[in-house]
Amino acid sequence: MDTEHEQSEVAILEANGEEALAELFSQFEPRLDRMIRFRLDQRLWGRVDPADVLQEAYLEAAARLKSYLAQPNVPPFVWIRSMTEQTLINVHRRHLGAKIRDARVEVSMHRKQSGPATSFCLAARLVGNLTSPSQVAMREEMIDQLRSAFDTMDPIDREVLALRHFEELSNNEVAEILGLQKAAASNRYVRALKRLKVVMSKVNRGM
């Protein structure tokens, strides 16, 4: 942890326990909600309420608070986000069962590289909500094209793009989550944005 603010958050957690955790979680909730909505498998849209995922994640964080405070190696937000991500993985497993092996939900906590799941999430977010019959067909085609294009990117660059561009995390937070140096995380983001422009240009020409 590099900032006095992050160190202060840890000190407050140590002093006030679950009460402080509840307040911090509330502060982080909009960012956690954005992560859940970005990474939720499309088959669960409309079936899983992000608020329920957040509630379950909070209970998991409360249960693990003492363990975190015994060795707080990452800022509170990064730790709480990891609890929320793991909760989302568990939700996918409960709802999808054996289908969890689908490439779109093959994710793991504290990963150093992204898998096909991130490619699909990026593609789905970029395409947006097209709902008419003709739009749905176009949407699926565009998602397939974008997903294939993202699969050609370096996995870490792909995840940096997801974290910075769609979850809207800071460069420092991305570095903490992916175990990168800050300069490396920044350079990868710039490279990923350039690659994204190329990907979008090719797909737009193809359509």
N, C-alpha and C. Protein backbone atom coordinates (compact mmCIF):
# COMPACT_ATOMS: atom_id res chain seq x y z
N MET A 1 0.84 -1.19 0.00
CA MET A 1 0.00 0.00 0.00
C MET A 1 0.88 1.24 0.00
N ASP A 2 0.59 2.15 -0.92
CA ASP A 2 1.49 3.26 -1.13
C ASP A 2 1.00 4.59 -0.57
N THR A 3 -0.30 4.74 -0.39
CA THR A 3 -0.81 6.04 0.01
C THR A 3 -1.18 6.07 1.49
N GLU A 4 -1.11 7.27 2.07
CA GLU A 4 -1.51 7.44 3.46
C GLU A 4 -2.99 7.13 3.63
N HIS A 5 -3.78 7.43 2.59
CA HIS A 5 -5.21 7.18 2.66
C HIS A 5 -5.49 5.68 2.82
N GLU A 6 -4.80 4.86 2.04
CA GLU A 6 -4.99 3.40 2.14
C GLU A 6 -4.55 2.89 3.51
N GLN A 7 -3.43 3.41 4.00
CA GLN A 7 -2.95 3.00 5.31
C GLN A 7 -3.93 3.43 6.40
N SER A 8 -4.54 4.60 6.20
CA SER A 8 -5.54 5.08 7.15
C SER A 8 -6.77 4.18 7.15
N GLU A 9 -7.17 3.72 5.97
CA GLU A 9 -8.32 2.82 5.88
C GLU A 9 -8.05 1.54 6.67
N VAL A 10 -6.84 1.01 6.56
CA VAL A 10 -6.49 -0.20 7.30
C VAL A 10 -6.53 0.07 8.79
N ALA A 11 -5.99 1.21 9.20
CA ALA A 11 -5.98 1.56 10.63
C ALA A 11 -7.40 1.67 11.18
N ILE A 12 -8.30 2.25 10.38
CA ILE A 12 -9.69 2.38 10.81
C ILE A 12 -10.34 1.00 10.92
N LEU A 13 -10.04 0.12 9.99
CA LEU A 13 -10.56 -1.25 10.06
C LEU A 13 -10.06 -1.95 11.31
N GLU A 14 -8.78 -1.75 11.63
CA GLU A 14 -8.21 -2.38 12.82
C GLU A 14 -8.86 -1.86 14.08
N ALA A 15 -9.20 -0.57 14.08
CA ALA A 15 -9.76 0.05 15.29
C ALA A 15 -11.24 -0.24 15.46
N ASN A 16 -11.98 -0.32 14.35
CA ASN A 16 -13.44 -0.37 14.44
C ASN A 16 -14.07 -1.63 13.84
N GLY A 17 -13.25 -2.51 13.29
CA GLY A 17 -13.74 -3.80 12.85
C GLY A 17 -14.86 -3.74 11.83
N GLU A 18 -15.89 -4.54 12.05
CA GLU A 18 -16.96 -4.71 11.07
C GLU A 18 -17.74 -3.42 10.82
N GLU A 19 -17.83 -2.57 11.83
CA GLU A 19 -18.52 -1.30 11.63
C GLU A 19 -17.82 -0.47 10.56
N ALA A 20 -16.48 -0.44 10.63
CA ALA A 20 -15.71 0.29 9.62
C ALA A 20 -15.79 -0.40 8.28
N LEU A 21 -15.81 -1.73 8.29
CA LEU A 21 -15.92 -2.48 7.04
C LEU A 21 -17.23 -2.14 6.32
N ALA A 22 -18.33 -2.06 7.08
CA ALA A 22 -19.62 -1.74 6.48
C ALA A 22 -19.59 -0.36 5.82
N GLU A 23 -18.93 0.59 6.46
CA GLU A 23 -18.85 1.94 5.91
C GLU A 23 -17.99 1.95 4.65
N LEU A 24 -16.85 1.25 4.70
CA LEU A 24 -15.98 1.19 3.53
C LEU A 24 -16.68 0.50 2.36
N PHE A 25 -17.35 -0.60 2.67
CA PHE A 25 -18.04 -1.37 1.64
C PHE A 25 -19.08 -0.49 0.96
N SER A 26 -19.77 0.31 1.75
CA SER A 26 -20.78 1.22 1.20
C SER A 26 -20.13 2.23 0.26
N GLN A 27 -18.96 2.73 0.62
CA GLN A 27 -18.24 3.68 -0.22
C GLN A 27 -17.81 3.04 -1.54
N PHE A 28 -17.40 1.77 -1.46
CA PHE A 28 -16.90 1.07 -2.63
C PHE A 28 -18.02 0.49 -3.50
N GLU A 29 -19.24 0.47 -2.99
CA GLU A 29 -20.32 -0.25 -3.64
C GLU A 29 -20.54 0.12 -5.11
N PRO A 30 -20.54 1.40 -5.49
CA PRO A 30 -20.75 1.71 -6.91
C PRO A 30 -19.69 1.08 -7.81
N ARG A 31 -18.45 1.04 -7.35
CA ARG A 31 -17.37 0.46 -8.15
C ARG A 31 -17.50 -1.06 -8.22
N LEU A 32 -17.90 -1.66 -7.11
CA LEU A 32 -18.08 -3.11 -7.09
C LEU A 32 -19.26 -3.51 -7.96
N ASP A 33 -20.32 -2.71 -7.92
CA ASP A 33 -21.49 -2.98 -8.75
C ASP A 33 -21.11 -2.92 -10.23
N ARG A 34 -20.27 -1.96 -10.59
CA ARG A 34 -19.82 -1.86 -11.98
C ARG A 34 -19.04 -3.10 -12.39
N MET A 35 -18.21 -3.61 -11.51
CA MET A 35 -17.45 -4.82 -11.80
C MET A 35 -18.38 -6.02 -12.02
N ILE A 36 -19.37 -6.16 -11.14
CA ILE A 36 -20.31 -7.28 -11.24
C ILE A 36 -21.08 -7.22 -12.55
N ARG A 37 -21.58 -6.05 -12.91
CA ARG A 37 -22.37 -5.91 -14.13
C ARG A 37 -21.52 -6.15 -15.36
N PHE A 38 -20.25 -5.81 -15.30
CA PHE A 38 -19.36 -6.03 -16.42
C PHE A 38 -19.05 -7.52 -16.60
N ARG A 39 -18.85 -8.24 -15.50
CA ARG A 39 -18.36 -9.62 -15.57
C ARG A 39 -19.47 -10.67 -15.44
N LEU A 40 -20.70 -10.27 -15.19
CA LEU A 40 -21.78 -11.24 -15.04
C LEU A 40 -22.07 -11.92 -16.37
N ASP A 41 -22.11 -13.25 -16.36
CA ASP A 41 -22.40 -14.02 -17.56
C ASP A 41 -23.76 -13.62 -18.13
N GLN A 42 -23.83 -13.48 -19.45
CA GLN A 42 -25.07 -13.01 -20.08
C GLN A 42 -26.26 -13.92 -19.81
N ARG A 43 -26.01 -15.19 -19.55
CA ARG A 43 -27.11 -16.11 -19.28
C ARG A 43 -27.77 -15.83 -17.94
N LEU A 44 -27.12 -15.01 -17.12
CA LEU A 44 -27.68 -14.69 -15.80
C LEU A 44 -28.24 -13.28 -15.74
N TRP A 45 -28.15 -12.54 -16.87
CA TRP A 45 -28.72 -11.20 -16.88
C TRP A 45 -30.22 -11.32 -16.66
N GLY A 46 -30.74 -10.57 -15.71
CA GLY A 46 -32.15 -10.62 -15.38
C GLY A 46 -32.50 -11.69 -14.36
N ARG A 47 -31.59 -12.61 -14.11
CA ARG A 47 -31.82 -13.68 -13.14
C ARG A 47 -31.08 -13.42 -11.83
N VAL A 48 -29.93 -12.77 -11.93
CA VAL A 48 -29.11 -12.49 -10.75
C VAL A 48 -29.09 -10.99 -10.50
N ASP A 49 -29.45 -10.60 -9.30
CA ASP A 49 -29.45 -9.19 -8.91
C ASP A 49 -28.06 -8.84 -8.36
N PRO A 50 -27.36 -7.88 -8.94
CA PRO A 50 -26.06 -7.48 -8.42
C PRO A 50 -26.09 -7.13 -6.94
N ALA A 51 -27.22 -6.61 -6.45
CA ALA A 51 -27.32 -6.28 -5.03
C ALA A 51 -27.18 -7.52 -4.16
N ASP A 52 -27.69 -8.66 -4.63
CA ASP A 52 -27.56 -9.90 -3.87
C ASP A 52 -26.11 -10.38 -3.86
N VAL A 53 -25.42 -10.19 -4.97
CA VAL A 53 -24.00 -10.55 -5.04
C VAL A 53 -23.21 -9.69 -4.06
N LEU A 54 -23.53 -8.40 -4.02
CA LEU A 54 -22.84 -7.50 -3.11
C LEU A 54 -23.09 -7.88 -1.65
N GLN A 55 -24.31 -8.24 -1.33
CA GLN A 55 -24.63 -8.63 0.04
C GLN A 55 -23.84 -9.87 0.44
N GLU A 56 -23.79 -10.84 -0.45
CA GLU A 56 -23.03 -12.06 -0.17
C GLU A 56 -21.54 -11.76 -0.04
N ALA A 57 -21.05 -10.86 -0.88
CA ALA A 57 -19.63 -10.49 -0.83
C ALA A 57 -19.30 -9.79 0.49
N TYR A 58 -20.20 -8.94 0.95
CA TYR A 58 -19.97 -8.26 2.22
C TYR A 58 -19.87 -9.27 3.37
N LEU A 59 -20.77 -10.25 3.39
CA LEU A 59 -20.74 -11.25 4.45
C LEU A 59 -19.44 -12.05 4.40
N GLU A 60 -18.96 -12.34 3.20
CA GLU A 60 -17.70 -13.07 3.05
C GLU A 60 -16.54 -12.22 3.55
N ALA A 61 -16.56 -10.93 3.21
CA ALA A 61 -15.49 -10.04 3.67
C ALA A 61 -15.51 -9.91 5.19
N ALA A 62 -16.70 -9.82 5.78
CA ALA A 62 -16.80 -9.71 7.24
C ALA A 62 -16.24 -10.95 7.91
N ALA A 63 -16.51 -12.11 7.31
CA ALA A 63 -16.02 -13.36 7.88
C ALA A 63 -14.50 -13.48 7.79
N ARG A 64 -13.90 -12.81 6.80
CA ARG A 64 -12.46 -12.91 6.57
C ARG A 64 -11.69 -11.67 7.02
N LEU A 65 -12.36 -10.74 7.68
CA LEU A 65 -11.73 -9.47 8.04
C LEU A 65 -10.50 -9.67 8.94
N LYS A 66 -10.63 -10.50 9.95
CA LYS A 66 -9.50 -10.72 10.87
C LYS A 66 -8.30 -11.28 10.12
N SER A 67 -8.55 -12.19 9.22
CA SER A 67 -7.46 -12.78 8.43
C SER A 67 -6.77 -11.72 7.58
N TYR A 68 -7.55 -10.84 6.98
CA TYR A 68 -6.97 -9.77 6.16
C TYR A 68 -6.13 -8.83 7.01
N LEU A 69 -6.66 -8.43 8.17
CA LEU A 69 -5.95 -7.48 9.02
C LEU A 69 -4.68 -8.08 9.62
N ALA A 70 -4.61 -9.39 9.70
CA ALA A 70 -3.39 -10.02 10.22
C ALA A 70 -2.22 -9.82 9.26
N GLN A 71 -2.54 -9.64 7.97
CA GLN A 71 -1.49 -9.42 6.97
C GLN A 71 -2.07 -8.64 5.79
N PRO A 72 -2.28 -7.34 5.97
CA PRO A 72 -2.92 -6.53 4.91
C PRO A 72 -1.93 -6.14 3.81
N ASN A 73 -1.71 -7.06 2.88
CA ASN A 73 -0.71 -6.83 1.84
C ASN A 73 -1.21 -5.97 0.68
N VAL A 74 -2.52 -5.81 0.58
CA VAL A 74 -3.10 -5.00 -0.49
C VAL A 74 -4.05 -3.98 0.14
N PRO A 75 -4.36 -2.90 -0.57
CA PRO A 75 -5.30 -1.91 -0.04
C PRO A 75 -6.67 -2.52 0.20
N PRO A 76 -7.44 -1.95 1.11
CA PRO A 76 -8.77 -2.49 1.40
C PRO A 76 -9.66 -2.66 0.18
N PHE A 77 -9.64 -1.69 -0.75
CA PHE A 77 -10.50 -1.82 -1.92
C PHE A 77 -10.12 -3.05 -2.74
N VAL A 78 -8.83 -3.25 -2.95
CA VAL A 78 -8.39 -4.40 -3.75
C VAL A 78 -8.80 -5.70 -3.07
N TRP A 79 -8.68 -5.75 -1.75
CA TRP A 79 -9.09 -6.95 -1.01
C TRP A 79 -10.60 -7.17 -1.11
N ILE A 80 -11.39 -6.12 -0.90
CA ILE A 80 -12.84 -6.25 -0.97
C ILE A 80 -13.27 -6.61 -2.39
N ARG A 81 -12.61 -6.04 -3.38
CA ARG A 81 -12.94 -6.41 -4.76
C ARG A 81 -12.66 -7.89 -5.01
N SER A 82 -11.57 -8.40 -4.44
CA SER A 82 -11.27 -9.83 -4.63
C SER A 82 -12.34 -10.70 -3.98
N MET A 83 -12.86 -10.27 -2.83
CA MET A 83 -13.95 -11.00 -2.19
C MET A 83 -15.20 -10.98 -3.07
N THR A 84 -15.46 -9.84 -3.69
CA THR A 84 -16.62 -9.70 -4.55
C THR A 84 -16.47 -10.53 -5.82
N GLU A 85 -15.28 -10.54 -6.37
CA GLU A 85 -15.03 -11.34 -7.57
C GLU A 85 -15.20 -12.83 -7.28
N GLN A 86 -14.67 -13.28 -6.14
CA GLN A 86 -14.83 -14.68 -5.79
C GLN A 86 -16.30 -15.03 -5.56
N THR A 87 -17.03 -14.12 -4.96
CA THR A 87 -18.47 -14.33 -4.77
C THR A 87 -19.17 -14.48 -6.12
N LEU A 88 -18.80 -13.65 -7.08
CA LEU A 88 -19.40 -13.73 -8.41
C LEU A 88 -19.08 -15.06 -9.07
N ILE A 89 -17.87 -15.54 -8.90
CA ILE A 89 -17.50 -16.86 -9.43
C ILE A 89 -18.39 -17.93 -8.82
N ASN A 90 -18.60 -17.85 -7.51
CA ASN A 90 -19.46 -18.83 -6.83
C ASN A 90 -20.90 -18.76 -7.33
N VAL A 91 -21.38 -17.54 -7.60
CA VAL A 91 -22.73 -17.37 -8.14
C VAL A 91 -22.83 -18.04 -9.51
N HIS A 92 -21.83 -17.86 -10.34
CA HIS A 92 -21.82 -18.52 -11.65
C HIS A 92 -21.89 -20.04 -11.47
N ARG A 93 -21.12 -20.55 -10.55
CA ARG A 93 -21.10 -22.00 -10.34
C ARG A 93 -22.46 -22.52 -9.87
N ARG A 94 -23.08 -21.80 -8.97
CA ARG A 94 -24.38 -22.24 -8.45
C ARG A 94 -25.46 -22.23 -9.52
N HIS A 95 -25.45 -21.20 -10.35
CA HIS A 95 -26.51 -21.06 -11.34
C HIS A 95 -26.26 -21.85 -12.61
N LEU A 96 -25.00 -22.01 -12.97
CA LEU A 96 -24.70 -22.64 -14.25
C LEU A 96 -24.26 -24.10 -14.11
N GLY A 97 -23.90 -24.51 -12.91
CA GLY A 97 -23.55 -25.90 -12.68
C GLY A 97 -22.43 -26.38 -13.58
N ALA A 98 -22.69 -27.47 -14.29
CA ALA A 98 -21.67 -28.06 -15.16
C ALA A 98 -21.28 -27.12 -16.29
N LYS A 99 -22.16 -26.16 -16.61
CA LYS A 99 -21.88 -25.24 -17.70
C LYS A 99 -20.78 -24.25 -17.32
N ILE A 100 -20.31 -24.32 -16.09
CA ILE A 100 -19.27 -23.39 -15.65
C ILE A 100 -18.02 -23.49 -16.51
N ARG A 101 -17.85 -24.59 -17.20
CA ARG A 101 -16.67 -24.76 -18.04
C ARG A 101 -16.75 -23.96 -19.33
N ASP A 102 -17.92 -23.37 -19.59
CA ASP A 102 -18.04 -22.49 -20.74
C ASP A 102 -16.95 -21.42 -20.66
N ALA A 103 -16.34 -21.13 -21.79
CA ALA A 103 -15.21 -20.19 -21.80
C ALA A 103 -15.56 -18.84 -21.23
N ARG A 104 -16.84 -18.45 -21.30
CA ARG A 104 -17.21 -17.11 -20.86
C ARG A 104 -17.10 -16.95 -19.35
N VAL A 105 -17.09 -18.05 -18.60
CA VAL A 105 -17.05 -17.91 -17.15
C VAL A 105 -15.82 -18.57 -16.54
N GLU A 106 -14.81 -18.86 -17.33
CA GLU A 106 -13.58 -19.42 -16.82
C GLU A 106 -12.72 -18.28 -16.26
N VAL A 107 -12.99 -17.92 -15.02
CA VAL A 107 -12.23 -16.86 -14.37
C VAL A 107 -11.71 -17.37 -13.04
N SER A 108 -10.65 -16.76 -12.54
CA SER A 108 -10.10 -17.18 -11.25
C SER A 108 -9.61 -15.97 -10.48
N MET A 109 -9.68 -16.05 -9.18
CA MET A 109 -9.28 -14.94 -8.34
C MET A 109 -7.76 -14.78 -8.36
N HIS A 110 -7.33 -13.52 -8.28
CA HIS A 110 -5.92 -13.17 -8.28
C HIS A 110 -5.20 -13.67 -9.52
N ARG A 111 -5.91 -13.70 -10.67
CA ARG A 111 -5.28 -14.19 -11.88
C ARG A 111 -4.24 -13.19 -12.36
N LYS A 112 -3.18 -13.68 -12.96
CA LYS A 112 -2.17 -12.81 -13.55
C LYS A 112 -2.44 -12.60 -15.03
N GLN A 113 -3.41 -13.33 -15.57
CA GLN A 113 -3.78 -13.10 -16.96
C GLN A 113 -5.25 -13.43 -17.13
N SER A 114 -5.85 -12.80 -18.13
CA SER A 114 -7.27 -13.01 -18.35
C SER A 114 -7.47 -14.14 -19.33
N GLY A 115 -8.64 -14.74 -19.26
CA GLY A 115 -8.98 -15.81 -20.17
C GLY A 115 -10.08 -15.40 -21.11
N PRO A 116 -10.69 -16.38 -21.78
CA PRO A 116 -11.76 -16.09 -22.72
C PRO A 116 -12.93 -15.33 -22.10
N ALA A 117 -13.13 -15.48 -20.79
CA ALA A 117 -14.22 -14.76 -20.14
C ALA A 117 -14.08 -13.27 -20.34
N THR A 118 -12.88 -12.75 -20.18
CA THR A 118 -12.66 -11.32 -20.33
C THR A 118 -12.88 -10.88 -21.77
N SER A 119 -12.48 -11.70 -22.72
CA SER A 119 -12.72 -11.37 -24.13
C SER A 119 -14.21 -11.21 -24.38
N PHE A 120 -15.00 -12.13 -23.85
CA PHE A 120 -16.45 -12.05 -24.06
C PHE A 120 -17.04 -10.82 -23.37
N CYS A 121 -16.63 -10.54 -22.14
CA CYS A 121 -17.15 -9.38 -21.43
C CYS A 121 -16.82 -8.08 -22.15
N LEU A 122 -15.59 -7.98 -22.65
CA LEU A 122 -15.20 -6.80 -23.41
C LEU A 122 -16.06 -6.66 -24.66
N ALA A 123 -16.23 -7.75 -25.38
CA ALA A 123 -17.00 -7.71 -26.62
C ALA A 123 -18.44 -7.33 -26.34
N ALA A 124 -19.05 -7.95 -25.34
CA ALA A 124 -20.45 -7.69 -25.03
C ALA A 124 -20.66 -6.23 -24.63
N ARG A 125 -19.73 -5.67 -23.84
CA ARG A 125 -19.88 -4.29 -23.40
C ARG A 125 -19.72 -3.32 -24.57
N LEU A 126 -18.80 -3.60 -25.47
CA LEU A 126 -18.57 -2.71 -26.59
C LEU A 126 -19.75 -2.71 -27.56
N VAL A 127 -20.39 -3.86 -27.72
CA VAL A 127 -21.52 -3.95 -28.64
C VAL A 127 -22.74 -3.25 -28.08
N GLY A 128 -22.96 -3.36 -26.78
CA GLY A 128 -24.09 -2.69 -26.16
C GLY A 128 -25.37 -3.49 -26.23
N ASN A 129 -26.50 -2.83 -26.05
CA ASN A 129 -27.80 -3.50 -25.97
C ASN A 129 -28.58 -3.34 -27.28
N LEU A 130 -28.49 -4.33 -28.13
CA LEU A 130 -29.27 -4.37 -29.36
C LEU A 130 -30.32 -5.44 -29.18
N THR A 131 -31.60 -5.08 -29.29
CA THR A 131 -32.65 -5.99 -28.84
C THR A 131 -33.66 -6.42 -29.90
N SER A 132 -33.76 -5.72 -31.02
CA SER A 132 -34.70 -6.16 -32.03
C SER A 132 -34.17 -7.43 -32.69
N PRO A 133 -35.04 -8.22 -33.35
CA PRO A 133 -34.57 -9.47 -33.98
C PRO A 133 -33.37 -9.27 -34.90
N SER A 134 -33.43 -8.24 -35.74
CA SER A 134 -32.31 -8.00 -36.65
C SER A 134 -31.08 -7.53 -35.89
N GLN A 135 -31.31 -6.72 -34.86
CA GLN A 135 -30.20 -6.22 -34.05
C GLN A 135 -29.55 -7.34 -33.26
N VAL A 136 -30.34 -8.27 -32.75
CA VAL A 136 -29.79 -9.37 -31.97
C VAL A 136 -28.85 -10.20 -32.83
N ALA A 137 -29.26 -10.48 -34.06
CA ALA A 137 -28.40 -11.25 -34.96
C ALA A 137 -27.09 -10.50 -35.23
N MET A 138 -27.21 -9.19 -35.46
CA MET A 138 -26.02 -8.38 -35.69
C MET A 138 -25.14 -8.34 -34.43
N ARG A 139 -25.80 -8.24 -33.29
CA ARG A 139 -25.08 -8.18 -32.02
C ARG A 139 -24.25 -9.44 -31.80
N GLU A 140 -24.86 -10.60 -32.03
CA GLU A 140 -24.14 -11.86 -31.82
C GLU A 140 -22.95 -11.97 -32.78
N GLU A 141 -23.15 -11.52 -34.01
CA GLU A 141 -22.05 -11.58 -34.98
C GLU A 141 -20.91 -10.66 -34.57
N MET A 142 -21.26 -9.46 -34.13
CA MET A 142 -20.24 -8.51 -33.70
C MET A 142 -19.50 -9.01 -32.46
N ILE A 143 -20.24 -9.60 -31.52
CA ILE A 143 -19.60 -10.14 -30.32
C ILE A 143 -18.61 -11.24 -30.69
N ASP A 144 -19.01 -12.12 -31.60
CA ASP A 144 -18.12 -13.20 -32.02
C ASP A 144 -16.85 -12.64 -32.66
N GLN A 145 -17.02 -11.62 -33.50
CA GLN A 145 -15.85 -11.03 -34.16
C GLN A 145 -14.94 -10.34 -33.15
N LEU A 146 -15.54 -9.57 -32.25
CA LEU A 146 -14.76 -8.86 -31.25
C LEU A 146 -14.07 -9.84 -30.30
N ARG A 147 -14.79 -10.86 -29.90
CA ARG A 147 -14.21 -11.84 -28.99
C ARG A 147 -13.00 -12.52 -29.61
N SER A 148 -13.13 -12.88 -30.88
CA SER A 148 -12.00 -13.50 -31.57
C SER A 148 -10.82 -12.55 -31.65
N ALA A 149 -11.12 -11.26 -31.90
CA ALA A 149 -10.05 -10.28 -31.99
C ALA A 149 -9.37 -10.08 -30.63
N PHE A 150 -10.17 -10.00 -29.56
CA PHE A 150 -9.59 -9.84 -28.22
C PHE A 150 -8.75 -11.04 -27.82
N ASP A 151 -9.14 -12.22 -28.29
CA ASP A 151 -8.37 -13.41 -27.96
C ASP A 151 -6.95 -13.36 -28.53
N THR A 152 -6.73 -12.51 -29.53
CA THR A 152 -5.39 -12.39 -30.11
C THR A 152 -4.51 -11.43 -29.31
N MET A 153 -5.11 -10.69 -28.38
CA MET A 153 -4.34 -9.75 -27.57
C MET A 153 -3.58 -10.49 -26.48
N ASP A 154 -2.52 -9.88 -26.02
CA ASP A 154 -1.81 -10.40 -24.86
C ASP A 154 -2.80 -10.47 -23.69
N PRO A 155 -2.90 -11.61 -22.99
CA PRO A 155 -3.90 -11.76 -21.92
C PRO A 155 -3.84 -10.67 -20.85
N ILE A 156 -2.64 -10.28 -20.45
CA ILE A 156 -2.53 -9.25 -19.41
C ILE A 156 -3.00 -7.91 -19.94
N ASP A 157 -2.67 -7.59 -21.19
CA ASP A 157 -3.14 -6.34 -21.79
C ASP A 157 -4.67 -6.33 -21.84
N ARG A 158 -5.25 -7.48 -22.14
CA ARG A 158 -6.70 -7.58 -22.21
C ARG A 158 -7.33 -7.31 -20.84
N GLU A 159 -6.73 -7.85 -19.81
CA GLU A 159 -7.26 -7.65 -18.47
C GLU A 159 -7.04 -6.21 -18.00
N VAL A 160 -5.89 -5.63 -18.33
CA VAL A 160 -5.64 -4.23 -18.00
C VAL A 160 -6.70 -3.35 -18.65
N LEU A 161 -7.03 -3.64 -19.89
CA LEU A 161 -8.07 -2.88 -20.59
C LEU A 161 -9.40 -3.01 -19.88
N ALA A 162 -9.75 -4.22 -19.46
CA ALA A 162 -11.01 -4.43 -18.76
C ALA A 162 -11.04 -3.66 -17.44
N LEU A 163 -9.96 -3.73 -16.69
CA LEU A 163 -9.91 -3.09 -15.38
C LEU A 163 -9.90 -1.57 -15.48
N ARG A 164 -9.12 -1.04 -16.40
CA ARG A 164 -9.01 0.42 -16.53
C ARG A 164 -10.19 1.02 -17.28
N HIS A 165 -10.54 0.42 -18.42
CA HIS A 165 -11.49 1.06 -19.32
C HIS A 165 -12.94 0.80 -18.93
N PHE A 166 -13.21 -0.36 -18.35
CA PHE A 166 -14.60 -0.70 -18.05
C PHE A 166 -14.90 -0.72 -16.55
N GLU A 167 -13.97 -1.24 -15.74
CA GLU A 167 -14.18 -1.14 -14.29
C GLU A 167 -13.77 0.22 -13.76
N GLU A 168 -13.02 0.97 -14.56
CA GLU A 168 -12.60 2.33 -14.23
C GLU A 168 -11.73 2.37 -12.97
N LEU A 169 -10.82 1.43 -12.86
CA LEU A 169 -9.89 1.42 -11.73
C LEU A 169 -8.69 2.29 -12.04
N SER A 170 -8.00 2.69 -10.99
CA SER A 170 -6.79 3.49 -11.16
C SER A 170 -5.64 2.60 -11.60
N ASN A 171 -4.60 3.23 -12.12
CA ASN A 171 -3.43 2.46 -12.53
C ASN A 171 -2.81 1.72 -11.34
N ASN A 172 -2.77 2.38 -10.17
CA ASN A 172 -2.22 1.73 -8.98
C ASN A 172 -3.02 0.49 -8.59
N GLU A 173 -4.35 0.59 -8.69
CA GLU A 173 -5.20 -0.55 -8.34
C GLU A 173 -5.00 -1.70 -9.31
N VAL A 174 -4.88 -1.37 -10.59
CA VAL A 174 -4.62 -2.42 -11.59
C VAL A 174 -3.30 -3.11 -11.30
N ALA A 175 -2.30 -2.33 -10.97
CA ALA A 175 -0.99 -2.90 -10.67
C ALA A 175 -1.07 -3.85 -9.46
N GLU A 176 -1.81 -3.45 -8.43
CA GLU A 176 -1.98 -4.30 -7.25
C GLU A 176 -2.71 -5.60 -7.60
N ILE A 177 -3.78 -5.49 -8.37
CA ILE A 177 -4.60 -6.66 -8.70
C ILE A 177 -3.84 -7.66 -9.55
N LEU A 178 -3.07 -7.15 -10.51
CA LEU A 178 -2.38 -8.04 -11.46
C LEU A 178 -0.93 -8.32 -11.08
N GLY A 179 -0.45 -7.73 -9.98
CA GLY A 179 0.92 -7.99 -9.56
C GLY A 179 1.95 -7.38 -10.49
N LEU A 180 1.65 -6.19 -11.02
CA LEU A 180 2.55 -5.51 -11.95
C LEU A 180 3.17 -4.29 -11.29
N GLN A 181 4.30 -3.87 -11.83
CA GLN A 181 4.83 -2.57 -11.45
C GLN A 181 3.93 -1.49 -12.03
N LYS A 182 3.88 -0.34 -11.37
CA LYS A 182 2.97 0.72 -11.83
C LYS A 182 3.28 1.16 -13.26
N ALA A 183 4.56 1.32 -13.57
CA ALA A 183 4.94 1.75 -14.91
C ALA A 183 4.53 0.70 -15.94
N ALA A 184 4.68 -0.56 -15.60
CA ALA A 184 4.30 -1.64 -16.52
C ALA A 184 2.80 -1.64 -16.76
N ALA A 185 2.03 -1.43 -15.69
CA ALA A 185 0.58 -1.39 -15.84
C ALA A 185 0.16 -0.23 -16.73
N SER A 186 0.79 0.92 -16.55
CA SER A 186 0.47 2.09 -17.36
C SER A 186 0.82 1.86 -18.82
N ASN A 187 1.99 1.30 -19.07
CA ASN A 187 2.42 1.04 -20.45
C ASN A 187 1.51 0.03 -21.14
N ARG A 188 1.08 -0.96 -20.39
CA ARG A 188 0.19 -1.98 -20.96
C ARG A 188 -1.17 -1.38 -21.29
N TYR A 189 -1.62 -0.45 -20.49
CA TYR A 189 -2.91 0.19 -20.77
C TYR A 189 -2.85 0.99 -22.06
N VAL A 190 -1.79 1.75 -22.24
CA VAL A 190 -1.62 2.52 -23.47
C VAL A 190 -1.58 1.59 -24.67
N ARG A 191 -0.84 0.50 -24.54
CA ARG A 191 -0.74 -0.47 -25.63
C ARG A 191 -2.10 -1.11 -25.92
N ALA A 192 -2.84 -1.43 -24.86
CA ALA A 192 -4.15 -2.06 -25.02
C ALA A 192 -5.13 -1.12 -25.70
N LEU A 193 -5.10 0.17 -25.36
CA LEU A 193 -5.99 1.13 -26.01
C LEU A 193 -5.70 1.23 -27.51
N LYS A 194 -4.43 1.21 -27.87
CA LYS A 194 -4.07 1.25 -29.29
C LYS A 194 -4.59 0.01 -29.99
N ARG A 195 -4.45 -1.14 -29.34
CA ARG A 195 -4.93 -2.39 -29.91
C ARG A 195 -6.45 -2.37 -30.03
N LEU A 196 -7.13 -1.79 -29.04
CA LEU A 196 -8.58 -1.70 -29.08
C LEU A 196 -9.05 -0.90 -30.29
N LYS A 197 -8.38 0.20 -30.59
CA LYS A 197 -8.75 1.01 -31.75
C LYS A 197 -8.61 0.21 -33.04
N VAL A 198 -7.56 -0.60 -33.12
CA VAL A 198 -7.36 -1.42 -34.31
C VAL A 198 -8.47 -2.46 -34.41
N VAL A 199 -8.79 -3.09 -33.28
CA VAL A 199 -9.84 -4.11 -33.26
C VAL A 199 -11.18 -3.52 -33.71
N MET A 200 -11.56 -2.39 -33.14
CA MET A 200 -12.83 -1.77 -33.47
C MET A 200 -12.88 -1.34 -34.93
N SER A 201 -11.76 -0.86 -35.44
CA SER A 201 -11.70 -0.44 -36.84
C SER A 201 -11.94 -1.62 -37.78
N LYS A 202 -11.33 -2.76 -37.48
CA LYS A 202 -11.49 -3.94 -38.32
C LYS A 202 -12.93 -4.45 -38.28
N VAL A 203 -13.51 -4.47 -37.08
CA VAL A 203 -14.88 -4.97 -36.95
C VAL A 203 -15.85 -4.05 -37.67
N ASN A 204 -15.66 -2.73 -37.53
CA ASN A 204 -16.55 -1.77 -38.19
C ASN A 204 -16.47 -1.91 -39.71
N ARG A 205 -15.27 -2.15 -40.23
CA ARG A 205 -15.13 -2.33 -41.67
C ARG A 205 -15.81 -3.61 -42.12
N GLY A 206 -15.74 -4.64 -41.26
CA GLY A 206 -16.35 -5.93 -41.60
C GLY A 206 -17.85 -5.89 -41.62
N MET A 207 -18.46 -4.96 -40.81
CA MET A 207 -19.91 -4.86 -40.74
C MET A 207 -20.44 -3.95 -41.85
